[in-house]
PDB file of N, CA and C in Angstrom:
ATOM      1  N   MET A   1     100.711 107.876 111.298  1.00  0.00           N
ATOM      2  CA  MET A   1     100.622 106.845 110.858  1.00  0.00           C
ATOM      3  C   MET A   1     100.271 106.400 109.406  1.00  0.00           C
ATOM      4  N   LEU A   2     100.073 107.482 108.663  1.00  0.00           N
ATOM      5  CA  LEU A   2      99.698 107.454 107.003  1.00  0.00           C
ATOM      6  C   LEU A   2     101.032 106.993 106.609  1.00  0.00           C
ATOM      7  N   ASN A   3     102.265 107.766 107.074  1.00  0.00           N
ATOM      8  CA  ASN A   3     103.197 107.196 106.364  1.00  0.00           C
ATOM      9  C   ASN A   3     103.791 106.247 106.708  1.00  0.00           C
ATOM     10  N   GLU A   4     103.569 105.301 108.178  1.00  0.00           N
ATOM     11  CA  GLU A   4     104.067 103.887 108.282  1.00  0.00           C
ATOM     12  C   GLU A   4     102.639 102.912 107.423  1.00  0.00           C
ATOM     13  N   ASN A   5     101.969 103.402 107.016  1.00  0.00           N
ATOM     14  CA  ASN A   5     100.786 102.728 106.635  1.00  0.00           C
ATOM     15  C   ASN A   5     101.468 102.320 105.275  1.00  0.00           C
ATOM     16  N   ILE A   6     101.643 103.621 104.382  1.00  0.00           N
ATOM     17  CA  ILE A   6     102.169 103.856 102.983  1.00  0.00           C
ATOM     18  C   ILE A   6     103.431 102.828 102.967  1.00  0.00           C
ATOM     19  N   LYS A   7     104.581 103.450 103.394  1.00  0.00           N
ATOM     20  CA  LYS A   7     105.461 101.956 103.876  1.00  0.00           C
ATOM     21  C   LYS A   7     105.197 100.737 103.904  1.00  0.00           C
ATOM     22  N   ALA A   8     104.312 100.324 104.632  1.00  0.00           N
ATOM     23  CA  ALA A   8     103.942  98.780 105.016  1.00  0.00           C
ATOM     24  C   ALA A   8     103.085  98.423 103.897  1.00  0.00           C
ATOM     25  N   TYR A   9     102.182  98.875 103.178  1.00  0.00           N
ATOM     26  CA  TYR A   9     101.575  98.534 101.925  1.00  0.00           C
ATOM     27  C   TYR A   9     102.481  98.921 100.541  1.00  0.00           C
ATOM     28  N   ARG A  10     103.602  99.544 100.709  1.00  0.00           N
ATOM     29  CA  ARG A  10     104.136  99.423  99.764  1.00  0.00           C
ATOM     30  C   ARG A  10     104.975  97.896  99.741  1.00  0.00           C
ATOM     31  N   LYS A  11     105.643  97.717 100.603  1.00  0.00           N
ATOM     32  CA  LYS A  11     106.637  96.724 101.101  1.00  0.00           C
ATOM     33  C   LYS A  11     105.835  95.077 101.129  1.00  0.00           C
ATOM     34  N   LYS A  12     104.679  95.116 101.643  1.00  0.00           N
ATOM     35  CA  LYS A  12     103.737  94.067 101.123  1.00  0.00           C
ATOM     36  C   LYS A  12     103.409  93.679  99.295  1.00  0.00           C
ATOM     37  N   MET A  13     103.681  94.816  98.660  1.00  0.00           N
ATOM     38  CA  MET A  13     103.263  94.610  97.299  1.00  0.00           C
ATOM     39  C   MET A  13     104.577  94.213  96.993  1.00  0.00           C
ATOM     40  N   ASN A  14     105.637  94.643  97.447  1.00  0.00           N
ATOM     41  CA  ASN A  14     107.100  94.274  96.810  1.00  0.00           C
ATOM     42  C   ASN A  14     107.424  95.424  95.551  1.00  0.00           C
ATOM     43  N   LEU A  15     106.837  96.549  95.989  1.00  0.00           N
ATOM     44  CA  LEU A  15     107.139  97.462  95.081  1.00  0.00           C
ATOM     45  C   LEU A  15     108.767  98.457  95.553  1.00  0.00           C
ATOM     46  N   THR A  16     109.074  98.935  94.939  1.00  0.00           N
ATOM     47  CA  THR A  16     110.113  99.617  95.358  1.00  0.00           C
ATOM     48  C   THR A  16     109.366 101.359  95.507  1.00  0.00           C
ATOM     49  N   GLN A  17     110.269 102.020  96.141  1.00  0.00           N
ATOM     50  CA  GLN A  17     110.173 103.409  96.113  1.00  0.00           C
ATOM     51  C   GLN A  17     109.794 104.079  94.537  1.00  0.00           C
ATOM     52  N   GLU A  18     110.574 103.740  94.228  1.00  0.00           N
ATOM     53  CA  GLU A  18     110.810 104.345  92.903  1.00  0.00           C
ATOM     54  C   GLU A  18     109.448 103.715  91.797  1.00  0.00           C
ATOM     55  N   GLN A  19     109.152 102.469  92.137  1.00  0.00           N
ATOM     56  CA  GLN A  19     108.022 101.743  91.303  1.00  0.00           C
ATOM     57  C   GLN A  19     106.939 102.651  91.847  1.00  0.00           C
ATOM     58  N   LEU A  20     106.628 103.095  93.196  1.00  0.00           N
ATOM     59  CA  LEU A  20     105.739 103.283  93.564  1.00  0.00           C
ATOM     60  C   LEU A  20     105.525 104.784  93.153  1.00  0.00           C
ATOM     61  N   ALA A  21     106.489 105.380  93.074  1.00  0.00           N
ATOM     62  CA  ALA A  21     106.308 106.702  92.364  1.00  0.00           C
ATOM     63  C   ALA A  21     105.878 106.578  90.856  1.00  0.00           C
ATOM     64  N   GLU A  22     106.593 106.177  90.478  1.00  0.00           N
ATOM     65  CA  GLU A  22     106.450 105.837  88.716  1.00  0.00           C
ATOM     66  C   GLU A  22     104.524 105.787  88.922  1.00  0.00           C
ATOM     67  N   ILE A  23     104.184 104.716  89.484  1.00  0.00           N
ATOM     68  CA  ILE A  23     102.378 104.345  89.180  1.00  0.00           C
ATOM     69  C   ILE A  23     101.913 105.775  89.694  1.00  0.00           C
ATOM     70  N   MET A  24     102.411 106.254  91.145  1.00  0.00           N
ATOM     71  CA  MET A  24     101.479 107.252  91.632  1.00  0.00           C
ATOM     72  C   MET A  24     101.777 108.613  90.516  1.00  0.00           C
ATOM     73  N   GLY A  25     102.757 108.848  89.846  1.00  0.00           N
ATOM     74  CA  GLY A  25     103.031 109.977  88.897  1.00  0.00           C
ATOM     75  C   GLY A  25     103.314 111.237  89.807  1.00  0.00           C
ATOM     76  N   VAL A  26     104.624 110.917  90.820  1.00  0.00           N
ATOM     77  CA  VAL A  26     105.374 111.575  91.607  1.00  0.00           C
ATOM     78  C   VAL A  26     106.844 111.383  91.573  1.00  0.00           C
ATOM     79  N   THR A  27     107.365 112.325  92.336  1.00  0.00           N
ATOM     80  CA  THR A  27     108.775 111.698  92.530  1.00  0.00           C
ATOM     81  C   THR A  27     109.313 110.983  93.185  1.00  0.00           C
ATOM     82  N   VAL A  28     110.702 110.426  93.074  1.00  0.00           N
ATOM     83  CA  VAL A  28     111.214 109.091  94.378  1.00  0.00           C
ATOM     84  C   VAL A  28     111.412 109.824  95.791  1.00  0.00           C
ATOM     85  N   GLY A  29     111.408 111.113  95.731  1.00  0.00           N
ATOM     86  CA  GLY A  29     111.591 112.290  96.820  1.00  0.00           C
ATOM     87  C   GLY A  29     110.498 112.339  97.007  1.00  0.00           C
ATOM     88  N   ALA A  30     109.316 112.226  96.715  1.00  0.00           N
ATOM     89  CA  ALA A  30     107.870 112.498  97.372  1.00  0.00           C
ATOM     90  C   ALA A  30     107.588 111.264  97.957  1.00  0.00           C
ATOM     91  N   VAL A  31     107.736 110.109  97.628  1.00  0.00           N
ATOM     92  CA  VAL A  31     107.106 108.800  97.879  1.00  0.00           C
ATOM     93  C   VAL A  31     108.101 108.837  99.413  1.00  0.00           C
ATOM     94  N   SER A  32     109.604 109.267  99.485  1.00  0.00           N
ATOM     95  CA  SER A  32     110.329 109.226 100.482  1.00  0.00           C
ATOM     96  C   SER A  32     110.035 109.878 101.709  1.00  0.00           C
ATOM     97  N   LYS A  33     109.950 111.080 101.528  1.00  0.00           N
ATOM     98  CA  LYS A  33     108.968 112.303 102.036  1.00  0.00           C
ATOM     99  C   LYS A  33     107.735 111.875 102.822  1.00  0.00           C
ATOM    100  N   TRP A  34     106.954 111.137 101.911  1.00  0.00           N
ATOM    101  CA  TRP A  34     105.591 110.535 102.940  1.00  0.00           C
ATOM    102  C   TRP A  34     105.862 109.456 103.818  1.00  0.00           C
ATOM    103  N   GLU A  35     106.895 108.593 103.108  1.00  0.00           N
ATOM    104  CA  GLU A  35     107.163 107.834 104.078  1.00  0.00           C
ATOM    105  C   GLU A  35     107.865 108.119 105.306  1.00  0.00           C
ATOM    106  N   SER A  36     108.942 109.202 105.327  1.00  0.00           N
ATOM    107  CA  SER A  36     109.286 109.429 106.446  1.00  0.00           C
ATOM    108  C   SER A  36     108.373 110.326 107.105  1.00  0.00           C
ATOM    109  N   GLY A  37     107.360 110.386 106.899  1.00  0.00           N
ATOM    110  CA  GLY A  37     106.393 111.284 107.503  1.00  0.00           C
ATOM    111  C   GLY A  37     106.839 113.283 107.258  1.00  0.00           C
ATOM    112  N   LEU A  38     107.814 113.341 106.398  1.00  0.00           N
ATOM    113  CA  LEU A  38     108.296 114.909 106.434  1.00  0.00           C
ATOM    114  C   LEU A  38     106.831 115.453 105.494  1.00  0.00           C
ATOM    115  N   SER A  39     106.420 115.013 104.626  1.00  0.00           N
ATOM    116  CA  SER A  39     104.950 115.331 103.994  1.00  0.00           C
ATOM    117  C   SER A  39     103.875 114.212 103.785  1.00  0.00           C
ATOM    118  N   ASN A  40     103.295 114.945 103.585  1.00  0.00           N
ATOM    119  CA  ASN A  40     102.016 113.845 103.099  1.00  0.00           C
ATOM    120  C   ASN A  40     101.614 113.775 101.479  1.00  0.00           C
ATOM    121  N   PRO A  41     100.652 112.421 101.207  1.00  0.00           N
ATOM    122  CA  PRO A  41     100.381 112.681  99.380  1.00  0.00           C
ATOM    123  C   PRO A  41      99.612 113.540  99.200  1.00  0.00           C
ATOM    124  N   ASP A  42      99.699 114.648  98.408  1.00  0.00           N
ATOM    125  CA  ASP A  42      98.036 115.500  97.635  1.00  0.00           C
ATOM    126  C   ASP A  42      96.756 114.641  98.264  1.00  0.00           C
ATOM    127  N   ILE A  43      96.195 115.622  98.578  1.00  0.00           N
ATOM    128  CA  ILE A  43      94.834 114.843  98.694  1.00  0.00           C
ATOM    129  C   ILE A  43      93.985 114.286  97.447  1.00  0.00           C
ATOM    130  N   MET A  44      94.436 114.461  96.259  1.00  0.00           N
ATOM    131  CA  MET A  44      93.884 114.256  95.028  1.00  0.00           C
ATOM    132  C   MET A  44      94.839 112.312  95.077  1.00  0.00           C
ATOM    133  N   LEU A  45      95.726 112.153  95.725  1.00  0.00           N
ATOM    134  CA  LEU A  45      96.229 110.823  95.194  1.00  0.00           C
ATOM    135  C   LEU A  45      95.649 110.142  96.494  1.00  0.00           C
ATOM    136  N   LEU A  46      95.113 110.416  97.342  1.00  0.00           N
ATOM    137  CA  LEU A  46      94.803 109.481  98.313  1.00  0.00           C
ATOM    138  C   LEU A  46      93.985 108.539  98.373  1.00  0.00           C
ATOM    139  N   PRO A  47      92.773 108.418  97.226  1.00  0.00           N
ATOM    140  CA  PRO A  47      92.123 107.430  96.918  1.00  0.00           C
ATOM    141  C   PRO A  47      92.549 106.318  95.734  1.00  0.00           C
ATOM    142  N   LYS A  48      93.690 107.233  95.037  1.00  0.00           N
ATOM    143  CA  LYS A  48      94.755 106.366  94.146  1.00  0.00           C
ATOM    144  C   LYS A  48      95.530 105.461  94.920  1.00  0.00           C
ATOM    145  N   LEU A  49      95.979 105.782  95.842  1.00  0.00           N
ATOM    146  CA  LEU A  49      97.011 105.426  96.581  1.00  0.00           C
ATOM    147  C   LEU A  49      95.930 103.973  97.441  1.00  0.00           C
ATOM    148  N   ALA A  50      94.892 104.278  97.641  1.00  0.00           N
ATOM    149  CA  ALA A  50      93.862 103.290  98.982  1.00  0.00           C
ATOM    150  C   ALA A  50      93.570 101.888  97.170  1.00  0.00           C
ATOM    151  N   LYS A  51      93.544 102.702  96.472  1.00  0.00           N
ATOM    152  CA  LYS A  51      92.794 101.775  95.259  1.00  0.00           C
ATOM    153  C   LYS A  51      93.998 100.581  94.992  1.00  0.00           C
ATOM    154  N   LEU A  52      94.949 101.035  94.977  1.00  0.00           N
ATOM    155  CA  LEU A  52      96.336 100.452  94.219  1.00  0.00           C
ATOM    156  C   LEU A  52      96.687  99.719  95.787  1.00  0.00           C
ATOM    157  N   PHE A  53      96.788  99.801  96.920  1.00  0.00           N
ATOM    158  CA  PHE A  53      96.873  99.004  97.688  1.00  0.00           C
ATOM    159  C   PHE A  53      96.098  97.812  98.363  1.00  0.00           C
ATOM    160  N   GLY A  54      94.390  98.119  97.902  1.00  0.00           N
ATOM    161  CA  GLY A  54      93.451  97.572  97.637  1.00  0.00           C
ATOM    162  C   GLY A  54      92.903  97.375  99.554  1.00  0.00           C
ATOM    163  N   VAL A  55      92.775  99.012  99.912  1.00  0.00           N
ATOM    164  CA  VAL A  55      92.207  99.065 101.299  1.00  0.00           C
ATOM    165  C   VAL A  55      91.075 100.377 100.858  1.00  0.00           C
ATOM    166  N   SER A  56      90.358 100.265 101.951  1.00  0.00           N
ATOM    167  CA  SER A  56      89.679 101.982 101.874  1.00  0.00           C
ATOM    168  C   SER A  56      90.641 103.000 102.441  1.00  0.00           C
ATOM    169  N   LEU A  57      90.185 104.198 102.121  1.00  0.00           N
ATOM    170  CA  LEU A  57      90.865 105.348 102.740  1.00  0.00           C
ATOM    171  C   LEU A  57      90.765 105.385 104.396  1.00  0.00           C
ATOM    172  N   ASP A  58      89.745 104.688 105.271  1.00  0.00           N
ATOM    173  CA  ASP A  58      89.491 104.863 106.035  1.00  0.00           C
ATOM    174  C   ASP A  58      90.727 104.022 106.752  1.00  0.00           C
ATOM    175  N   VAL A  59      91.325 102.449 106.198  1.00  0.00           N
ATOM    176  CA  VAL A  59      92.002 101.698 106.790  1.00  0.00           C
ATOM    177  C   VAL A  59      93.806 102.236 106.199  1.00  0.00           C
ATOM    178  N   LEU A  60      93.255 102.923 104.945  1.00  0.00           N
ATOM    179  CA  LEU A  60      94.864 103.585 104.722  1.00  0.00           C
ATOM    180  C   LEU A  60      95.417 104.652 106.046  1.00  0.00           C
ATOM    181  N   PHE A  61      94.283 105.159 106.502  1.00  0.00           N
ATOM    182  CA  PHE A  61      94.476 106.202 107.527  1.00  0.00           C
ATOM    183  C   PHE A  61      94.675 105.741 109.107  1.00  0.00           C
ATOM    184  N   SER A  62      94.446 104.111 109.034  1.00  0.00           N
ATOM    185  CA  SER A  62      94.469 103.838 110.249  1.00  0.00           C
ATOM    186  C   SER A  62      93.195 104.069 111.306  1.00  0.00           C
ATOM    187  N   VAL A  63      91.938 104.755 110.343  1.00  0.00           N
ATOM    188  CA  VAL A  63      90.871 105.261 110.967  1.00  0.00           C
ATOM    189  C   VAL A  63      89.956 103.632 111.427  1.00  0.00           C
ATOM    190  N   GLU A  64      89.461 103.572 112.869  1.00  0.00           N
ATOM    191  CA  GLU A  64      88.464 102.475 113.415  1.00  0.00           C
ATOM    192  C   GLU A  64      87.089 103.199 113.727  1.00  0.00           C
ATOM    193  N   LEU A  65      86.333 102.467 113.885  1.00  0.00           N
ATOM    194  CA  LEU A  65      85.527 102.932 114.624  1.00  0.00           C
ATOM    195  C   LEU A  65      85.352 102.879 115.995  1.00  0.00           C
ATOM    196  N   THR A  66      85.396 104.045 117.000  1.00  0.00           N
ATOM    197  CA  THR A  66      85.565 104.609 118.186  1.00  0.00           C
ATOM    198  C   THR A  66      84.739 104.841 119.116  1.00  0.00           C
ATOM    199  N   ASP A  67      83.560 105.643 118.355  1.00  0.00           N
ATOM    200  CA  ASP A  67      82.651 106.082 118.887  1.00  0.00           C
ATOM    201  C   ASP A  67      81.529 105.289 119.504  1.00  0.00           C
ATOM    202  N   GLN A  68      81.284 104.310 118.591  1.00  0.00           N
ATOM    203  CA  GLN A  68      80.255 102.628 118.712  1.00  0.00           C
ATOM    204  C   GLN A  68      81.208 101.713 117.799  1.00  0.00           C
ATOM    205  N   SER A  69      80.703 100.858 117.940  1.00  0.00           N
ATOM    206  CA  SER A  69      81.564  99.807 116.950  1.00  0.00           C
ATOM    207  C   SER A  69      80.501  99.961 115.926  1.00  0.00           C
ATOM    208  N   ALA A  70      80.775  99.102 114.973  1.00  0.00           N
ATOM    209  CA  ALA A  70      79.615  98.706 114.019  1.00  0.00           C
ATOM    210  C   ALA A  70      78.693  97.573 114.463  1.00  0.00           C
ATOM    211  N   ASP A  71      78.863  96.530 115.231  1.00  0.00           N
ATOM    212  CA  ASP A  71      78.096  95.896 115.565  1.00  0.00           C
ATOM    213  C   ASP A  71      77.135  96.748 116.358  1.00  0.00           C
ATOM    214  N   SER A  72      77.583  97.412 116.952  1.00  0.00           N
ATOM    215  CA  SER A  72      76.370  98.332 118.056  1.00  0.00           C
ATOM    216  C   SER A  72      75.794  99.573 117.299  1.00  0.00           C
ATOM    217  N   LEU A  73      76.078 100.210 116.325  1.00  0.00           N
ATOM    218  CA  LEU A  73      75.395 100.831 115.367  1.00  0.00           C
ATOM    219  C   LEU A  73      74.376 100.031 114.239  1.00  0.00           C
ATOM    220  N   ALA A  74      74.479  98.924 113.960  1.00  0.00           N
ATOM    221  CA  ALA A  74      73.859  98.116 113.124  1.00  0.00           C
ATOM    222  C   ALA A  74      72.523  97.125 114.258  1.00  0.00           C
ATOM    223  N   GLU A  75      73.044  97.095 115.328  1.00  0.00           N
ATOM    224  CA  GLU A  75      71.555  96.847 116.358  1.00  0.00           C
ATOM    225  C   GLU A  75      71.232  97.829 116.600  1.00  0.00           C
ATOM    226  N   ASP A  76      71.803  99.203 116.826  1.00  0.00           N
ATOM    227  CA  ASP A  76      70.591 100.827 117.251  1.00  0.00           C
ATOM    228  C   ASP A  76      69.872 100.571 116.042  1.00  0.00           C
ATOM    229  N   ILE A  77      70.229 100.400 114.682  1.00  0.00           N
ATOM    230  CA  ILE A  77      69.415 100.713 113.623  1.00  0.00           C
ATOM    231  C   ILE A  77      68.346  99.332 113.598  1.00  0.00           C
ATOM    232  N   LYS A  78      68.693  98.171 113.978  1.00  0.00           N
ATOM    233  CA  LYS A  78      67.722  97.246 114.048  1.00  0.00           C
ATOM    234  C   LYS A  78      66.632  97.300 114.919  1.00  0.00           C
ATOM    235  N   ASN A  79      67.070  97.669 115.639  1.00  0.00           N
ATOM    236  CA  ASN A  79      66.208  97.896 117.086  1.00  0.00           C
ATOM    237  C   ASN A  79      64.730  99.025 116.774  1.00  0.00           C
ATOM    238  N   LEU A  80      65.340 100.664 116.042  1.00  0.00           N
ATOM    239  CA  LEU A  80      64.669 101.567 115.683  1.00  0.00           C
ATOM    240  C   LEU A  80      63.803 100.454 114.688  1.00  0.00           C
ATOM    241  N   ARG A  81      64.004  99.808 113.559  1.00  0.00           N
ATOM    242  CA  ARG A  81      63.191  99.247 112.542  1.00  0.00           C
ATOM    243  C   ARG A  81      61.990  98.602 113.594  1.00  0.00           C
ATOM    244  N   TYR A  82      62.816  97.468 114.249  1.00  0.00           N
ATOM    245  CA  TYR A  82      61.677  96.903 115.366  1.00  0.00           C
ATOM    246  C   TYR A  82      60.512  97.550 115.611  1.00  0.00           C
ATOM    247  N   GLU A  83      60.736  98.678 116.201  1.00  0.00           N
ATOM    248  CA  GLU A  83      59.980 100.094 117.266  1.00  0.00           C
ATOM    249  C   GLU A  83      59.431 100.769 116.086  1.00  0.00           C
ATOM    250  N   LYS A  84      59.427 100.663 114.586  1.00  0.00           N
ATOM    251  CA  LYS A  84      58.594 100.564 113.670  1.00  0.00           C
ATOM    252  C   LYS A  84      59.162 102.511 113.572  1.00  0.00           C
ATOM    253  N   GLN A  85      60.335 102.817 114.377  1.00  0.00           N
ATOM    254  CA  GLN A  85      60.504 104.345 113.917  1.00  0.00           C
ATOM    255  C   GLN A  85      61.572 104.674 112.819  1.00  0.00           C
ATOM    256  N   TYR A  86      60.827 104.089 111.723  1.00  0.00           N
ATOM    257  CA  TYR A  86      61.820 104.070 110.517  1.00  0.00           C
ATOM    258  C   TYR A  86      62.705 105.569 110.338  1.00  0.00           C
ATOM    259  N   GLU A  87      61.836 106.461 110.254  1.00  0.00           N
ATOM    260  CA  GLU A  87      62.555 107.922 110.364  1.00  0.00           C
ATOM    261  C   GLU A  87      64.045 108.001 110.721  1.00  0.00           C
ATOM    262  N   LYS A  88      63.751 107.730 112.097  1.00  0.00           N
ATOM    263  CA  LYS A  88      65.266 107.889 113.044  1.00  0.00           C
ATOM    264  C   LYS A  88      66.091 106.500 112.652  1.00  0.00           C
ATOM    265  N   GLY A  89      65.507 105.615 112.444  1.00  0.00           N
ATOM    266  CA  GLY A  89      66.764 104.632 111.834  1.00  0.00           C
ATOM    267  C   GLY A  89      67.411 104.981 110.755  1.00  0.00           C
ATOM    268  N   GLU A  90      66.386 105.877 109.676  1.00  0.00           N
ATOM    269  CA  GLU A  90      67.239 106.176 108.649  1.00  0.00           C
ATOM    270  C   GLU A  90      68.309 107.329 109.332  1.00  0.00           C
ATOM    271  N   GLU A  91      67.832 108.387 109.399  1.00  0.00           N
ATOM    272  CA  GLU A  91      68.884 109.446 110.446  1.00  0.00           C
ATOM    273  C   GLU A  91      70.019 108.665 110.902  1.00  0.00           C
ATOM    274  N   VAL A  92      70.115 107.656 111.418  1.00  0.00           N
ATOM    275  CA  VAL A  92      71.074 106.826 112.059  1.00  0.00           C
ATOM    276  C   VAL A  92      72.295 106.213 111.488  1.00  0.00           C
ATOM    277  N   ALA A  93      71.432 105.344 110.187  1.00  0.00           N
ATOM    278  CA  ALA A  93      71.779 104.735 109.437  1.00  0.00           C
ATOM    279  C   ALA A  93      72.608 106.078 108.345  1.00  0.00           C
ATOM    280  N   LEU A  94      72.504 106.970 108.126  1.00  0.00           N
ATOM    281  CA  LEU A  94      72.846 107.939 106.946  1.00  0.00           C
ATOM    282  C   LEU A  94      73.830 108.627 107.709  1.00  0.00           C
ATOM    283  N   ASP A  95      73.594 108.858 108.849  1.00  0.00           N
ATOM    284  CA  ASP A  95      74.946 109.733 110.328  1.00  0.00           C
ATOM    285  C   ASP A  95      76.068 108.320 109.855  1.00  0.00           C
ATOM    286  N   ALA A  96      75.917 106.841 109.885  1.00  0.00           N
ATOM    287  CA  ALA A  96      76.946 106.090 110.566  1.00  0.00           C
ATOM    288  C   ALA A  96      77.720 106.157 109.086  1.00  0.00           C
ATOM    289  N   ILE A  97      76.877 106.109 108.025  1.00  0.00           N
ATOM    290  CA  ILE A  97      77.544 106.162 106.323  1.00  0.00           C
ATOM    291  C   ILE A  97      78.425 107.596 106.152  1.00  0.00           C
ATOM    292  N   ARG A  98      77.717 108.047 107.025  1.00  0.00           N
ATOM    293  CA  ARG A  98      78.783 109.602 106.579  1.00  0.00           C
ATOM    294  C   ARG A  98      79.660 109.334 107.554  1.00  0.00           C
ATOM    295  N   LYS A  99      79.598 109.406 108.598  1.00  0.00           N
ATOM    296  CA  LYS A  99      80.626 108.996 109.523  1.00  0.00           C
ATOM    297  C   LYS A  99      82.199 108.074 109.195  1.00  0.00           C
ATOM    298  N   TYR A 100      81.572 106.963 109.097  1.00  0.00           N
ATOM    299  CA  TYR A 100      82.361 105.760 108.627  1.00  0.00           C
ATOM    300  C   TYR A 100      81.706 105.402 107.105  1.00  0.00           C
ATOM    301  N   PRO A 101      82.163 106.057 105.919  1.00  0.00           N
ATOM    302  CA  PRO A 101      82.058 105.379 104.839  1.00  0.00           C
ATOM    303  C   PRO A 101      82.227 104.208 104.164  1.00  0.00           C
ATOM    304  N   ASN A 102      83.465 103.243 104.950  1.00  0.00           N
ATOM    305  CA  ASN A 102      83.730 102.126 104.546  1.00  0.00           C
ATOM    306  C   ASN A 102      83.544 101.222 105.634  1.00  0.00           C
TER     307      ASN A 102
END
């Protein structure tokens, strides 16, 4: 999925592999390998790629809320607040932020 997303976002921005390589400070071969799925970008390059493409890391990796939807989590937190279970609500909120930072 990451490889497909890199290619799709690069094309959406009308960038060639050469241009993306120059922006990222890597070789054209590296970009080609990323897009073909033969390798992945260095972990330190991922935030720069996401920023360049204007997406979050979870979107770049095609990660979605799967355990609970964001609306469901928000509803749980709201209900805990109404029940004055502030510490539990804070715990649920912090867990959600850690699990789904974006």
